[in-house]
N, C-alpha and C. Protein backbone atom coordinates (compact mmCIF):
# COMPACT_ATOMS: atom_id res chain seq x y z
N UNK A 1 135.54 128.85 125.66
CA UNK A 1 135.13 128.04 124.54
C UNK A 1 134.02 127.05 124.95
N UNK A 2 134.16 126.45 126.11
CA UNK A 2 133.16 125.50 126.59
C UNK A 2 131.83 126.20 126.82
N UNK A 3 131.89 127.41 127.37
CA UNK A 3 130.65 128.16 127.62
C UNK A 3 129.96 128.47 126.30
N UNK A 4 130.71 128.89 125.29
CA UNK A 4 130.13 129.15 123.98
C UNK A 4 129.49 127.90 123.39
N UNK A 5 130.13 126.77 123.54
CA UNK A 5 129.60 125.51 123.04
C UNK A 5 128.29 125.14 123.75
N UNK A 6 128.25 125.33 125.06
CA UNK A 6 127.04 125.04 125.82
C UNK A 6 125.89 125.96 125.41
N UNK A 7 126.18 127.23 125.22
CA UNK A 7 125.15 128.17 124.79
C UNK A 7 124.65 127.80 123.40
N UNK A 8 125.56 127.45 122.50
CA UNK A 8 125.17 127.05 121.15
C UNK A 8 124.29 125.80 121.18
N UNK A 9 124.64 124.86 122.03
CA UNK A 9 123.83 123.63 122.16
C UNK A 9 122.43 123.95 122.68
N UNK A 10 122.33 124.87 123.64
CA UNK A 10 121.02 125.27 124.17
C UNK A 10 120.18 125.94 123.08
N UNK A 11 120.78 126.84 122.33
CA UNK A 11 120.07 127.53 121.25
C UNK A 11 119.59 126.53 120.20
N UNK A 12 120.44 125.61 119.82
CA UNK A 12 120.04 124.59 118.84
C UNK A 12 118.91 123.73 119.40
N UNK A 13 118.98 123.37 120.66
CA UNK A 13 117.92 122.58 121.28
C UNK A 13 116.60 123.33 121.26
N UNK A 14 116.63 124.61 121.56
CA UNK A 14 115.40 125.42 121.54
C UNK A 14 114.85 125.50 120.11
N UNK A 15 115.73 125.72 119.12
CA UNK A 15 115.28 125.81 117.73
C UNK A 15 114.63 124.52 117.25
N UNK A 16 115.17 123.40 117.66
CA UNK A 16 114.65 122.11 117.19
C UNK A 16 113.48 121.59 118.00
N UNK A 17 113.22 122.18 119.15
CA UNK A 17 112.18 121.67 120.03
C UNK A 17 111.12 122.71 120.40
N UNK A 18 110.83 123.59 119.47
CA UNK A 18 109.73 124.53 119.65
C UNK A 18 108.68 124.20 118.60
N UNK A 19 107.47 123.92 119.05
CA UNK A 19 106.39 123.57 118.14
C UNK A 19 105.03 123.88 118.77
N UNK A 20 104.01 123.93 117.91
CA UNK A 20 102.62 124.18 118.33
C UNK A 20 101.76 123.09 117.73
N UNK A 21 100.80 122.62 118.51
CA UNK A 21 99.94 121.53 118.04
C UNK A 21 98.50 121.82 118.42
N UNK A 22 97.61 121.56 117.49
CA UNK A 22 96.17 121.62 117.76
C UNK A 22 95.71 120.18 117.88
N UNK A 23 95.21 119.82 119.05
CA UNK A 23 94.83 118.44 119.30
C UNK A 23 93.40 118.17 118.83
N UNK A 24 93.07 116.90 118.72
CA UNK A 24 91.73 116.51 118.27
C UNK A 24 90.65 116.93 119.26
N UNK A 25 91.01 117.08 120.54
CA UNK A 25 90.01 117.47 121.53
C UNK A 25 89.94 119.00 121.71
N UNK A 26 90.50 119.77 120.75
CA UNK A 26 90.33 121.21 120.75
C UNK A 26 91.27 121.98 121.66
N UNK A 27 92.44 121.45 121.88
CA UNK A 27 93.44 122.14 122.71
C UNK A 27 94.57 122.66 121.82
N UNK A 28 95.12 123.79 122.21
CA UNK A 28 96.33 124.30 121.58
C UNK A 28 97.47 124.05 122.56
N UNK A 29 98.50 123.36 122.10
CA UNK A 29 99.66 123.05 122.92
C UNK A 29 100.86 123.79 122.33
N UNK A 30 101.54 124.57 123.17
CA UNK A 30 102.77 125.26 122.76
C UNK A 30 103.92 124.65 123.54
N UNK A 31 104.91 124.17 122.82
CA UNK A 31 106.06 123.50 123.45
C UNK A 31 107.32 124.26 123.06
N UNK A 32 108.17 124.55 124.03
CA UNK A 32 109.42 125.26 123.76
C UNK A 32 110.54 124.67 124.60
N UNK A 33 111.21 123.70 124.04
CA UNK A 33 112.43 123.13 124.60
C UNK A 33 112.28 122.71 126.06
N UNK A 34 113.07 123.32 126.94
CA UNK A 34 113.11 122.93 128.35
C UNK A 34 112.02 123.61 129.18
N UNK A 35 111.29 124.53 128.58
CA UNK A 35 110.26 125.26 129.30
C UNK A 35 108.97 124.44 129.39
N UNK A 36 108.14 124.69 130.39
CA UNK A 36 106.91 123.89 130.51
C UNK A 36 105.96 124.12 129.34
N UNK A 37 105.28 123.05 128.93
CA UNK A 37 104.28 123.18 127.87
C UNK A 37 103.14 124.07 128.37
N UNK A 38 102.62 124.87 127.43
CA UNK A 38 101.45 125.69 127.73
C UNK A 38 100.30 125.11 126.93
N UNK A 39 99.16 124.95 127.60
CA UNK A 39 97.97 124.41 126.94
C UNK A 39 96.79 125.33 127.20
N UNK A 40 95.95 125.46 126.18
CA UNK A 40 94.73 126.24 126.32
C UNK A 40 93.66 125.59 125.45
N UNK A 41 92.46 125.58 125.96
CA UNK A 41 91.34 125.12 125.14
C UNK A 41 91.08 126.20 124.10
N UNK A 42 90.98 125.82 122.85
CA UNK A 42 90.77 126.80 121.78
C UNK A 42 89.46 127.54 122.00
N UNK A 43 88.51 126.92 122.65
CA UNK A 43 87.24 127.59 122.97
C UNK A 43 87.44 128.77 123.93
N UNK A 44 88.56 128.78 124.67
CA UNK A 44 88.85 129.87 125.61
C UNK A 44 89.60 131.03 124.97
N UNK A 45 90.07 130.86 123.73
CA UNK A 45 90.77 131.94 123.05
C UNK A 45 89.74 132.97 122.60
N UNK A 46 89.92 134.22 123.03
CA UNK A 46 88.95 135.26 122.68
C UNK A 46 89.41 136.10 121.49
N UNK A 47 90.73 136.22 121.30
CA UNK A 47 91.22 137.06 120.20
C UNK A 47 92.64 136.66 119.82
N UNK A 48 93.01 137.07 118.61
CA UNK A 48 94.37 136.89 118.10
C UNK A 48 94.83 138.23 117.55
N UNK A 49 96.11 138.51 117.73
CA UNK A 49 96.68 139.73 117.18
C UNK A 49 98.03 139.44 116.58
N UNK A 50 98.55 140.41 115.84
CA UNK A 50 99.87 140.28 115.23
C UNK A 50 100.80 141.28 115.90
N UNK A 51 102.05 140.88 116.11
CA UNK A 51 103.00 141.76 116.77
C UNK A 51 104.43 141.40 116.39
N UNK A 52 105.33 142.30 116.68
CA UNK A 52 106.76 142.05 116.55
C UNK A 52 107.46 142.34 117.88
N UNK A 53 106.71 142.26 118.99
CA UNK A 53 107.29 142.51 120.31
C UNK A 53 108.45 141.55 120.56
N UNK A 54 109.60 142.06 121.00
CA UNK A 54 110.77 141.19 121.18
C UNK A 54 110.88 140.57 122.57
N UNK A 55 109.78 140.49 123.31
CA UNK A 55 109.87 139.90 124.65
C UNK A 55 110.00 138.38 124.56
N UNK A 56 110.50 137.81 125.62
CA UNK A 56 110.69 136.36 125.67
C UNK A 56 109.36 135.64 125.53
N UNK A 57 109.37 134.58 124.73
CA UNK A 57 108.12 133.85 124.50
C UNK A 57 108.42 132.50 123.87
N UNK A 58 107.36 131.81 123.50
CA UNK A 58 107.46 130.51 122.83
C UNK A 58 107.50 130.72 121.31
N UNK A 59 108.10 131.80 120.88
CA UNK A 59 108.17 132.14 119.47
C UNK A 59 109.62 132.24 119.02
N UNK A 60 109.90 131.72 117.83
CA UNK A 60 111.26 131.74 117.32
C UNK A 60 111.54 132.91 116.40
N UNK A 61 110.52 133.61 115.94
CA UNK A 61 110.74 134.77 115.08
C UNK A 61 110.02 135.97 115.71
N UNK A 62 110.25 137.14 115.13
CA UNK A 62 109.56 138.34 115.62
C UNK A 62 108.22 138.55 114.92
N UNK A 63 107.90 137.75 113.93
CA UNK A 63 106.60 137.79 113.27
C UNK A 63 105.67 136.88 114.07
N UNK A 64 104.99 137.46 115.04
CA UNK A 64 104.30 136.66 116.06
C UNK A 64 102.80 136.88 116.10
N UNK A 65 102.13 135.90 116.67
CA UNK A 65 100.71 136.02 117.01
C UNK A 65 100.59 136.17 118.52
N UNK A 66 99.74 137.08 118.92
CA UNK A 66 99.40 137.20 120.34
C UNK A 66 98.10 136.44 120.53
N UNK A 67 98.08 135.54 121.50
CA UNK A 67 96.86 134.82 121.84
C UNK A 67 96.28 135.47 123.09
N UNK A 68 95.01 135.82 123.02
CA UNK A 68 94.32 136.43 124.14
C UNK A 68 93.33 135.44 124.74
N UNK A 69 93.31 135.37 126.05
CA UNK A 69 92.34 134.57 126.79
C UNK A 69 91.59 135.54 127.69
N UNK A 70 90.26 135.56 127.58
CA UNK A 70 89.44 136.53 128.32
C UNK A 70 89.91 137.95 128.06
N UNK A 71 90.26 138.22 126.81
CA UNK A 71 90.73 139.54 126.35
C UNK A 71 91.97 140.04 127.06
N UNK A 72 92.76 139.13 127.63
CA UNK A 72 94.04 139.48 128.24
C UNK A 72 95.12 138.66 127.54
N UNK A 73 96.30 139.30 127.38
CA UNK A 73 97.43 138.62 126.75
C UNK A 73 97.69 137.29 127.46
N UNK A 74 97.85 136.21 126.68
CA UNK A 74 98.14 134.91 127.27
C UNK A 74 99.48 134.36 126.79
N UNK A 75 99.77 134.45 125.48
CA UNK A 75 100.99 133.85 124.96
C UNK A 75 101.34 134.44 123.60
N UNK A 76 102.65 134.47 123.29
CA UNK A 76 103.14 134.83 121.97
C UNK A 76 103.67 133.57 121.30
N UNK A 77 103.27 133.34 120.05
CA UNK A 77 103.77 132.21 119.28
C UNK A 77 104.13 132.69 117.88
N UNK A 78 104.88 131.87 117.15
CA UNK A 78 105.23 132.24 115.76
C UNK A 78 105.11 131.03 114.84
N UNK A 79 103.88 130.66 114.49
CA UNK A 79 103.73 129.54 113.55
C UNK A 79 104.30 129.91 112.18
N UNK A 80 104.74 128.91 111.45
CA UNK A 80 105.35 129.13 110.14
C UNK A 80 104.34 129.78 109.19
N UNK A 81 103.14 129.24 109.13
CA UNK A 81 102.08 129.76 108.25
C UNK A 81 100.97 130.34 109.13
N UNK A 82 101.07 131.64 109.43
CA UNK A 82 100.11 132.26 110.35
C UNK A 82 98.67 132.16 109.86
N UNK A 83 98.46 132.42 108.57
CA UNK A 83 97.08 132.42 108.05
C UNK A 83 96.44 131.04 108.18
N UNK A 84 97.17 129.99 107.82
CA UNK A 84 96.63 128.64 107.95
C UNK A 84 96.39 128.29 109.42
N UNK A 85 97.30 128.68 110.29
CA UNK A 85 97.15 128.41 111.72
C UNK A 85 95.90 129.11 112.25
N UNK A 86 95.70 130.35 111.86
CA UNK A 86 94.51 131.10 112.29
C UNK A 86 93.25 130.42 111.76
N UNK A 87 93.28 130.00 110.50
CA UNK A 87 92.11 129.31 109.92
C UNK A 87 91.78 128.04 110.69
N UNK A 88 92.80 127.28 111.09
CA UNK A 88 92.55 126.07 111.86
C UNK A 88 91.92 126.39 113.21
N UNK A 89 92.41 127.44 113.87
CA UNK A 89 91.82 127.85 115.15
C UNK A 89 90.38 128.31 114.96
N UNK A 90 90.13 129.07 113.88
CA UNK A 90 88.79 129.62 113.63
C UNK A 90 87.78 128.52 113.28
N UNK A 91 88.24 127.41 112.70
CA UNK A 91 87.34 126.30 112.43
C UNK A 91 86.79 125.72 113.73
N UNK A 92 87.63 125.71 114.75
CA UNK A 92 87.23 125.16 116.04
C UNK A 92 86.46 126.19 116.86
N UNK A 93 86.91 127.44 116.81
CA UNK A 93 86.25 128.52 117.57
C UNK A 93 86.04 129.73 116.66
N UNK A 94 84.89 129.78 115.96
CA UNK A 94 84.65 130.90 115.04
C UNK A 94 84.41 132.23 115.75
N UNK A 95 84.31 132.23 117.07
CA UNK A 95 84.11 133.46 117.84
C UNK A 95 85.40 134.23 118.09
N UNK A 96 86.54 133.68 117.70
CA UNK A 96 87.82 134.37 117.90
C UNK A 96 87.83 135.66 117.09
N UNK A 97 88.19 136.77 117.75
CA UNK A 97 88.28 138.06 117.08
C UNK A 97 89.71 138.27 116.61
N UNK A 98 89.85 138.93 115.46
CA UNK A 98 91.17 139.30 114.96
C UNK A 98 91.39 140.76 115.31
N UNK A 99 92.40 141.03 116.11
CA UNK A 99 92.63 142.38 116.62
C UNK A 99 93.40 143.28 115.67
N UNK A 100 94.13 142.74 114.73
CA UNK A 100 94.91 143.55 113.81
C UNK A 100 94.58 143.12 112.39
N UNK A 101 94.43 144.09 111.52
CA UNK A 101 93.97 143.78 110.15
C UNK A 101 95.04 143.11 109.30
N UNK A 102 96.30 143.08 109.77
CA UNK A 102 97.35 142.50 108.95
C UNK A 102 97.54 141.00 109.15
N UNK A 103 96.64 140.35 109.88
CA UNK A 103 96.79 138.89 110.04
C UNK A 103 95.69 138.17 109.30
């Protein structure tokens, strides 16, 4: 019972402490609970894609965005409003390519 309670507390902590932020200086910050924050300059993002890959990531749902840096996979995230999130990134870096037509 104690183990189940501890696991439930960890899951709740992850759910409540996963977020993405675009800073004023053009950085994308991905935060996921106890894991280290990941930061990337939006100018370094080369492409975005859509996926449902179930691998471990800083994403809470399977409706995910793949962020590419130098055309290599960098991170999976799952913002609530993908289209708005992409638009915000594109305002800062209009050179970002969209790899899948469904995003």
